[in-house]
């Protein structure tokens, strides 16, 4: 488990997912969380912002303000949008140092989703995480 503090929205997500024990219930909740993503500008849906390594199209942007990072993402696939929403509520608003300490797999484990994510979706999430790390290393 990581020592990085849990943002309020992430705590809300964790509370919601811990209420459900079955994958069917959690998958419905995951689809509802897809609606939590911020609207992604259509002009940002370009190859420059595309995450390679995902089966479906995924776009990701990042900016840093006052020492914390804010990421925005979207996907063509609703289930993946739900996973992205859960990832972003966990990582948005934390510093690069905190983000480097964060165990994303543990986050999805806490949500009860780690064992239910298919290998292809897991590969896609790993591609998103790698892209996040790359964006954080780029000059601001």
N, C-alpha and C. Protein backbone atom coordinates (compact mmCIF):
# COMPACT_ATOMS: atom_id res chain seq x y z
N UNK A 1 0.86 -1.17 0.00
CA UNK A 1 0.00 0.00 0.00
C UNK A 1 0.90 1.23 0.00
N UNK A 2 0.47 2.27 -0.67
CA UNK A 2 1.26 3.48 -0.80
C UNK A 2 0.95 4.48 0.30
N UNK A 3 1.92 5.37 0.53
CA UNK A 3 1.71 6.39 1.56
C UNK A 3 1.15 7.68 0.98
N UNK A 4 0.88 7.71 -0.31
CA UNK A 4 0.34 8.89 -0.96
C UNK A 4 -1.09 9.10 -0.50
N UNK A 5 -1.40 10.33 -0.07
CA UNK A 5 -2.74 10.61 0.44
C UNK A 5 -3.79 10.40 -0.65
N UNK A 6 -4.97 10.08 -0.21
CA UNK A 6 -6.07 9.78 -1.11
C UNK A 6 -6.91 11.03 -1.34
N UNK A 7 -6.96 11.54 -2.58
CA UNK A 7 -7.83 12.70 -2.86
C UNK A 7 -9.29 12.37 -2.56
N UNK A 8 -10.09 13.40 -2.32
CA UNK A 8 -11.49 13.22 -1.93
C UNK A 8 -12.28 12.40 -2.94
N UNK A 9 -12.13 12.68 -4.23
CA UNK A 9 -12.88 11.92 -5.24
C UNK A 9 -12.44 10.47 -5.28
N UNK A 10 -11.16 10.23 -5.04
CA UNK A 10 -10.67 8.85 -5.01
C UNK A 10 -11.25 8.12 -3.81
N UNK A 11 -11.36 8.79 -2.69
CA UNK A 11 -11.97 8.19 -1.50
C UNK A 11 -13.43 7.85 -1.78
N UNK A 12 -14.13 8.75 -2.48
CA UNK A 12 -15.52 8.49 -2.86
C UNK A 12 -15.61 7.24 -3.74
N UNK A 13 -14.73 7.14 -4.72
CA UNK A 13 -14.73 5.98 -5.62
C UNK A 13 -14.47 4.70 -4.83
N UNK A 14 -13.49 4.74 -3.95
CA UNK A 14 -13.15 3.58 -3.15
C UNK A 14 -14.34 3.14 -2.29
N UNK A 15 -15.00 4.10 -1.67
CA UNK A 15 -16.17 3.79 -0.85
C UNK A 15 -17.28 3.14 -1.67
N UNK A 16 -17.51 3.68 -2.86
CA UNK A 16 -18.55 3.13 -3.73
C UNK A 16 -18.23 1.71 -4.16
N UNK A 17 -16.99 1.48 -4.60
CA UNK A 17 -16.62 0.15 -5.09
C UNK A 17 -16.58 -0.88 -3.98
N UNK A 18 -16.23 -0.48 -2.77
CA UNK A 18 -16.17 -1.43 -1.67
C UNK A 18 -17.55 -1.88 -1.20
N UNK A 19 -18.59 -1.16 -1.62
CA UNK A 19 -19.96 -1.56 -1.28
C UNK A 19 -20.40 -2.79 -2.06
N UNK A 20 -19.78 -3.04 -3.20
CA UNK A 20 -20.19 -4.14 -4.08
C UNK A 20 -19.16 -5.25 -4.07
N UNK A 21 -19.63 -6.47 -4.04
CA UNK A 21 -18.74 -7.63 -3.99
C UNK A 21 -18.66 -8.36 -5.33
N UNK A 22 -19.70 -8.33 -6.12
CA UNK A 22 -19.68 -9.09 -7.37
C UNK A 22 -19.13 -8.25 -8.52
N UNK A 23 -18.53 -8.95 -9.48
CA UNK A 23 -17.99 -8.27 -10.66
C UNK A 23 -19.12 -7.60 -11.45
N UNK A 24 -20.27 -8.22 -11.51
CA UNK A 24 -21.40 -7.64 -12.25
C UNK A 24 -21.77 -6.27 -11.68
N UNK A 25 -21.85 -6.17 -10.37
CA UNK A 25 -22.18 -4.89 -9.72
C UNK A 25 -21.06 -3.87 -9.95
N UNK A 26 -19.83 -4.31 -9.81
CA UNK A 26 -18.69 -3.40 -10.00
C UNK A 26 -18.56 -2.96 -11.45
N UNK A 27 -18.87 -3.84 -12.38
CA UNK A 27 -18.77 -3.45 -13.79
C UNK A 27 -19.83 -2.40 -14.14
N UNK A 28 -21.02 -2.53 -13.56
CA UNK A 28 -22.05 -1.49 -13.78
C UNK A 28 -21.59 -0.16 -13.20
N UNK A 29 -21.00 -0.21 -12.00
CA UNK A 29 -20.49 1.00 -11.38
C UNK A 29 -19.34 1.59 -12.20
N UNK A 30 -18.50 0.73 -12.73
CA UNK A 30 -17.39 1.17 -13.58
C UNK A 30 -17.92 1.92 -14.80
N UNK A 31 -18.98 1.42 -15.41
CA UNK A 31 -19.58 2.09 -16.56
C UNK A 31 -20.16 3.44 -16.17
N UNK A 32 -20.71 3.53 -14.96
CA UNK A 32 -21.22 4.83 -14.48
C UNK A 32 -20.07 5.80 -14.27
N UNK A 33 -18.93 5.30 -13.79
CA UNK A 33 -17.77 6.16 -13.57
C UNK A 33 -17.21 6.71 -14.88
N UNK A 34 -17.51 6.05 -15.99
CA UNK A 34 -17.08 6.55 -17.30
C UNK A 34 -17.62 7.96 -17.54
N UNK A 35 -18.78 8.24 -16.95
CA UNK A 35 -19.39 9.57 -17.11
C UNK A 35 -18.70 10.64 -16.28
N UNK A 36 -17.80 10.25 -15.38
CA UNK A 36 -17.09 11.20 -14.53
C UNK A 36 -15.92 11.89 -15.23
N UNK A 37 -15.51 11.35 -16.38
CA UNK A 37 -14.40 11.99 -17.09
C UNK A 37 -14.78 13.39 -17.54
N UNK A 38 -13.84 14.29 -17.41
CA UNK A 38 -14.07 15.65 -17.93
C UNK A 38 -14.25 15.56 -19.44
N UNK A 39 -15.07 16.42 -20.01
CA UNK A 39 -15.20 16.42 -21.47
C UNK A 39 -13.82 16.64 -22.10
N UNK A 40 -13.49 15.82 -23.05
CA UNK A 40 -12.19 15.91 -23.72
C UNK A 40 -12.37 16.67 -25.02
N UNK A 41 -11.62 17.75 -25.19
CA UNK A 41 -11.80 18.58 -26.40
C UNK A 41 -11.56 17.78 -27.68
N UNK A 42 -12.42 17.92 -28.65
CA UNK A 42 -12.27 17.17 -29.90
C UNK A 42 -10.97 17.53 -30.60
N UNK A 43 -10.52 18.78 -30.47
CA UNK A 43 -9.26 19.16 -31.11
C UNK A 43 -8.05 18.49 -30.47
N UNK A 44 -8.22 17.99 -29.25
CA UNK A 44 -7.12 17.29 -28.57
C UNK A 44 -7.09 15.81 -28.94
N UNK A 45 -8.11 15.34 -29.66
CA UNK A 45 -8.13 13.95 -30.10
C UNK A 45 -7.32 13.84 -31.39
N UNK A 46 -6.01 13.97 -31.23
CA UNK A 46 -5.09 13.93 -32.35
C UNK A 46 -3.99 12.92 -32.06
N UNK A 47 -3.21 12.61 -33.08
CA UNK A 47 -2.15 11.61 -32.93
C UNK A 47 -1.12 12.01 -31.88
N UNK A 48 -0.87 13.30 -31.72
CA UNK A 48 0.10 13.76 -30.72
C UNK A 48 -0.31 13.33 -29.32
N UNK A 49 -1.60 13.32 -29.05
CA UNK A 49 -2.10 12.99 -27.71
C UNK A 49 -2.56 11.54 -27.58
N UNK A 50 -2.40 10.77 -28.62
CA UNK A 50 -2.86 9.38 -28.60
C UNK A 50 -1.88 8.51 -27.82
N UNK A 51 -2.44 7.61 -27.03
CA UNK A 51 -1.64 6.65 -26.26
C UNK A 51 -1.50 5.40 -27.13
N UNK A 52 -0.26 5.09 -27.47
CA UNK A 52 0.00 3.90 -28.27
C UNK A 52 0.06 2.69 -27.35
N UNK A 53 -0.38 1.55 -27.84
CA UNK A 53 -0.36 0.33 -27.04
C UNK A 53 -1.73 -0.06 -26.52
N UNK A 54 -2.74 0.70 -26.87
CA UNK A 54 -4.11 0.39 -26.46
C UNK A 54 -4.86 -0.17 -27.67
N UNK A 55 -5.72 -1.14 -27.43
CA UNK A 55 -6.51 -1.71 -28.53
C UNK A 55 -7.50 -0.71 -29.10
N UNK A 56 -8.09 0.10 -28.24
CA UNK A 56 -8.99 1.14 -28.71
C UNK A 56 -8.26 2.48 -28.60
N UNK A 57 -8.79 3.48 -29.25
CA UNK A 57 -8.14 4.79 -29.21
C UNK A 57 -8.29 5.41 -27.83
N UNK A 58 -7.16 5.87 -27.30
CA UNK A 58 -7.11 6.56 -26.02
C UNK A 58 -6.26 7.81 -26.23
N UNK A 59 -6.75 8.93 -25.69
CA UNK A 59 -6.02 10.18 -25.76
C UNK A 59 -5.75 10.67 -24.35
N UNK A 60 -4.60 11.32 -24.18
CA UNK A 60 -4.19 11.79 -22.87
C UNK A 60 -3.45 13.11 -23.01
N UNK A 61 -3.81 14.07 -22.18
CA UNK A 61 -3.08 15.33 -22.10
C UNK A 61 -2.72 15.59 -20.64
N UNK A 62 -1.74 16.45 -20.44
CA UNK A 62 -1.29 16.76 -19.08
C UNK A 62 -0.83 18.20 -19.01
N UNK A 63 -1.01 18.78 -17.83
CA UNK A 63 -0.39 20.08 -17.56
C UNK A 63 -0.08 20.14 -16.07
N UNK A 64 0.91 20.94 -15.77
CA UNK A 64 1.33 21.10 -14.39
C UNK A 64 1.06 22.54 -13.97
N UNK A 65 0.52 22.69 -12.78
CA UNK A 65 0.22 24.02 -12.25
C UNK A 65 0.52 24.02 -10.76
N UNK A 66 1.34 24.94 -10.33
CA UNK A 66 1.69 25.08 -8.92
C UNK A 66 2.20 23.78 -8.31
N UNK A 67 3.00 23.05 -9.07
CA UNK A 67 3.64 21.85 -8.57
C UNK A 67 2.82 20.58 -8.58
N UNK A 68 1.58 20.65 -9.05
CA UNK A 68 0.77 19.43 -9.14
C UNK A 68 0.35 19.19 -10.59
N UNK A 69 0.09 17.95 -10.86
CA UNK A 69 -0.26 17.54 -12.22
C UNK A 69 -1.77 17.37 -12.37
N UNK A 70 -2.23 17.67 -13.58
CA UNK A 70 -3.62 17.44 -13.95
C UNK A 70 -3.62 16.76 -15.31
N UNK A 71 -4.27 15.61 -15.37
CA UNK A 71 -4.35 14.83 -16.60
C UNK A 71 -5.80 14.79 -17.07
N UNK A 72 -5.94 14.71 -18.37
CA UNK A 72 -7.26 14.58 -18.97
C UNK A 72 -7.16 13.47 -20.00
N UNK A 73 -8.16 12.61 -20.06
CA UNK A 73 -8.11 11.46 -20.96
C UNK A 73 -9.48 11.15 -21.51
N UNK A 74 -9.47 10.39 -22.58
CA UNK A 74 -10.71 9.89 -23.16
C UNK A 74 -10.39 8.64 -23.96
N UNK A 75 -11.43 7.88 -24.25
CA UNK A 75 -11.31 6.67 -25.05
C UNK A 75 -12.60 6.44 -25.80
N UNK A 76 -12.49 5.66 -26.85
CA UNK A 76 -13.69 5.28 -27.59
C UNK A 76 -14.51 4.25 -26.81
N UNK A 77 -13.85 3.48 -25.96
CA UNK A 77 -14.50 2.39 -25.24
C UNK A 77 -15.00 2.85 -23.87
N UNK A 78 -16.27 2.61 -23.61
CA UNK A 78 -16.89 3.08 -22.37
C UNK A 78 -16.25 2.45 -21.13
N UNK A 79 -15.98 1.16 -21.16
CA UNK A 79 -15.35 0.50 -20.01
C UNK A 79 -13.97 1.10 -19.73
N UNK A 80 -13.23 1.35 -20.77
CA UNK A 80 -11.91 1.97 -20.59
C UNK A 80 -12.04 3.40 -20.07
N UNK A 81 -13.08 4.11 -20.51
CA UNK A 81 -13.31 5.46 -19.96
C UNK A 81 -13.55 5.38 -18.45
N UNK A 82 -14.25 4.34 -18.00
CA UNK A 82 -14.46 4.14 -16.57
C UNK A 82 -13.15 3.91 -15.84
N UNK A 83 -12.29 3.07 -16.41
CA UNK A 83 -10.98 2.81 -15.81
C UNK A 83 -10.13 4.08 -15.79
N UNK A 84 -10.20 4.83 -16.87
CA UNK A 84 -9.46 6.10 -16.94
C UNK A 84 -9.96 7.09 -15.89
N UNK A 85 -11.28 7.15 -15.72
CA UNK A 85 -11.85 8.05 -14.72
C UNK A 85 -11.34 7.69 -13.33
N UNK A 86 -11.30 6.40 -13.03
CA UNK A 86 -10.81 5.96 -11.72
C UNK A 86 -9.32 6.22 -11.55
N UNK A 87 -8.57 6.07 -12.62
CA UNK A 87 -7.14 6.39 -12.57
C UNK A 87 -6.94 7.88 -12.33
N UNK A 88 -7.68 8.70 -13.06
CA UNK A 88 -7.48 10.15 -12.97
C UNK A 88 -7.92 10.72 -11.62
N UNK A 89 -8.99 10.18 -11.02
CA UNK A 89 -9.37 10.70 -9.71
C UNK A 89 -8.31 10.36 -8.67
N UNK A 90 -7.53 9.33 -8.94
CA UNK A 90 -6.46 8.95 -8.02
C UNK A 90 -5.20 9.78 -8.21
N UNK A 91 -4.91 10.17 -9.46
CA UNK A 91 -3.61 10.84 -9.72
C UNK A 91 -3.70 12.35 -9.93
N UNK A 92 -4.86 12.86 -10.30
CA UNK A 92 -4.95 14.30 -10.54
C UNK A 92 -4.76 15.08 -9.25
N UNK A 93 -3.97 16.13 -9.34
CA UNK A 93 -3.77 17.01 -8.19
C UNK A 93 -2.65 16.60 -7.26
N UNK A 94 -1.88 15.58 -7.64
CA UNK A 94 -0.75 15.23 -6.78
C UNK A 94 0.56 15.62 -7.47
N UNK A 95 1.61 15.73 -6.69
CA UNK A 95 2.90 16.16 -7.22
C UNK A 95 3.57 15.02 -7.97
N UNK A 96 4.61 15.35 -8.72
CA UNK A 96 5.38 14.35 -9.45
C UNK A 96 6.01 13.36 -8.47
N UNK A 97 6.45 13.84 -7.32
CA UNK A 97 7.04 12.96 -6.31
C UNK A 97 6.02 11.96 -5.80
N UNK A 98 4.82 12.44 -5.49
CA UNK A 98 3.75 11.55 -5.01
C UNK A 98 3.36 10.56 -6.10
N UNK A 99 3.29 11.05 -7.33
CA UNK A 99 2.90 10.19 -8.44
C UNK A 99 3.93 9.08 -8.65
N UNK A 100 5.20 9.40 -8.48
CA UNK A 100 6.26 8.40 -8.62
C UNK A 100 6.15 7.32 -7.54
N UNK A 101 5.61 7.66 -6.38
CA UNK A 101 5.47 6.71 -5.27
C UNK A 101 4.20 5.88 -5.36
N UNK A 102 3.28 6.28 -6.18
CA UNK A 102 1.97 5.65 -6.25
C UNK A 102 2.02 4.30 -6.94
N UNK A 103 1.39 3.32 -6.35
CA UNK A 103 1.27 1.98 -6.93
C UNK A 103 -0.13 1.89 -7.55
N UNK A 104 -0.19 2.09 -8.86
CA UNK A 104 -1.48 2.12 -9.55
C UNK A 104 -2.16 0.75 -9.50
N UNK A 105 -1.38 -0.31 -9.60
CA UNK A 105 -1.98 -1.65 -9.50
C UNK A 105 -2.66 -1.85 -8.15
N UNK A 106 -2.03 -1.32 -7.09
CA UNK A 106 -2.63 -1.41 -5.76
C UNK A 106 -3.96 -0.65 -5.72
N UNK A 107 -4.01 0.49 -6.40
CA UNK A 107 -5.25 1.27 -6.45
C UNK A 107 -6.39 0.44 -7.03
N UNK A 108 -6.13 -0.23 -8.16
CA UNK A 108 -7.18 -1.04 -8.77
C UNK A 108 -7.48 -2.28 -7.93
N UNK A 109 -6.50 -2.75 -7.19
CA UNK A 109 -6.72 -3.86 -6.25
C UNK A 109 -7.68 -3.40 -5.15
N UNK A 110 -7.45 -2.22 -4.59
CA UNK A 110 -8.31 -1.70 -3.54
C UNK A 110 -9.75 -1.54 -4.02
N UNK A 111 -9.89 -1.18 -5.29
CA UNK A 111 -11.22 -1.01 -5.88
C UNK A 111 -11.90 -2.35 -6.16
N UNK A 112 -11.15 -3.43 -6.08
CA UNK A 112 -11.69 -4.75 -6.38
C UNK A 112 -11.76 -5.02 -7.87
N UNK A 113 -10.95 -4.32 -8.65
CA UNK A 113 -11.01 -4.47 -10.10
C UNK A 113 -9.78 -5.17 -10.69
N UNK A 114 -8.70 -5.27 -9.93
CA UNK A 114 -7.43 -5.75 -10.47
C UNK A 114 -7.55 -7.13 -11.14
N UNK A 115 -8.28 -8.04 -10.53
CA UNK A 115 -8.37 -9.39 -11.09
C UNK A 115 -9.41 -9.49 -12.20
N UNK A 116 -10.20 -8.47 -12.38
CA UNK A 116 -11.26 -8.49 -13.39
C UNK A 116 -10.85 -7.80 -14.68
N UNK A 117 -9.75 -7.07 -14.65
CA UNK A 117 -9.32 -6.34 -15.84
C UNK A 117 -8.62 -7.33 -16.76
N UNK A 118 -9.09 -7.41 -18.00
CA UNK A 118 -8.50 -8.35 -18.96
C UNK A 118 -7.05 -7.97 -19.23
N UNK A 119 -6.28 -8.92 -19.74
CA UNK A 119 -4.87 -8.65 -20.01
C UNK A 119 -4.70 -7.54 -21.05
N UNK A 120 -5.58 -7.48 -22.03
CA UNK A 120 -5.46 -6.42 -23.04
C UNK A 120 -5.78 -5.05 -22.43
N UNK A 121 -6.78 -4.98 -21.54
CA UNK A 121 -7.08 -3.70 -20.87
C UNK A 121 -5.96 -3.34 -19.91
N UNK A 122 -5.40 -4.35 -19.24
CA UNK A 122 -4.28 -4.10 -18.34
C UNK A 122 -3.08 -3.57 -19.12
N UNK A 123 -2.84 -4.12 -20.30
CA UNK A 123 -1.76 -3.61 -21.16
C UNK A 123 -2.05 -2.16 -21.56
N UNK A 124 -3.31 -1.88 -21.86
CA UNK A 124 -3.69 -0.51 -22.21
C UNK A 124 -3.48 0.45 -21.05
N UNK A 125 -3.86 0.02 -19.84
CA UNK A 125 -3.64 0.86 -18.66
C UNK A 125 -2.15 1.09 -18.43
N UNK A 126 -1.35 0.05 -18.63
CA UNK A 126 0.09 0.22 -18.50
C UNK A 126 0.64 1.20 -19.53
N UNK A 127 0.09 1.17 -20.73
CA UNK A 127 0.50 2.12 -21.77
C UNK A 127 0.13 3.55 -21.35
N UNK A 128 -1.03 3.71 -20.73
CA UNK A 128 -1.45 5.04 -20.25
C UNK A 128 -0.49 5.51 -19.15
N UNK A 129 -0.14 4.63 -18.23
CA UNK A 129 0.76 4.99 -17.14
C UNK A 129 2.14 5.36 -17.69
N UNK A 130 2.63 4.61 -18.67
CA UNK A 130 3.91 4.94 -19.29
C UNK A 130 3.84 6.30 -19.98
N UNK A 131 2.72 6.58 -20.62
CA UNK A 131 2.54 7.88 -21.28
C UNK A 131 2.51 9.01 -20.25
N UNK A 132 1.87 8.77 -19.12
CA UNK A 132 1.83 9.76 -18.04
C UNK A 132 3.25 10.07 -17.58
N UNK A 133 4.05 9.02 -17.37
CA UNK A 133 5.42 9.20 -16.93
C UNK A 133 6.24 9.98 -17.96
N UNK A 134 6.00 9.69 -19.23
CA UNK A 134 6.71 10.39 -20.30
C UNK A 134 6.32 11.87 -20.34
N UNK A 135 5.02 12.15 -20.19
CA UNK A 135 4.55 13.53 -20.20
C UNK A 135 5.13 14.32 -19.02
N UNK A 136 5.29 13.64 -17.88
CA UNK A 136 5.84 14.31 -16.69
C UNK A 136 7.32 14.65 -16.86
N UNK A 137 8.02 13.94 -17.74
CA UNK A 137 9.42 14.18 -17.97
C UNK A 137 9.66 15.24 -19.03
N UNK A 138 8.64 15.55 -19.80
CA UNK A 138 8.76 16.54 -20.88
C UNK A 138 8.91 17.93 -20.28
N UNK A 139 9.64 18.80 -20.97
CA UNK A 139 9.76 20.19 -20.47
C UNK A 139 8.40 20.85 -20.37
N UNK A 140 8.20 21.59 -19.29
CA UNK A 140 6.91 22.26 -19.05
C UNK A 140 6.93 23.63 -19.67
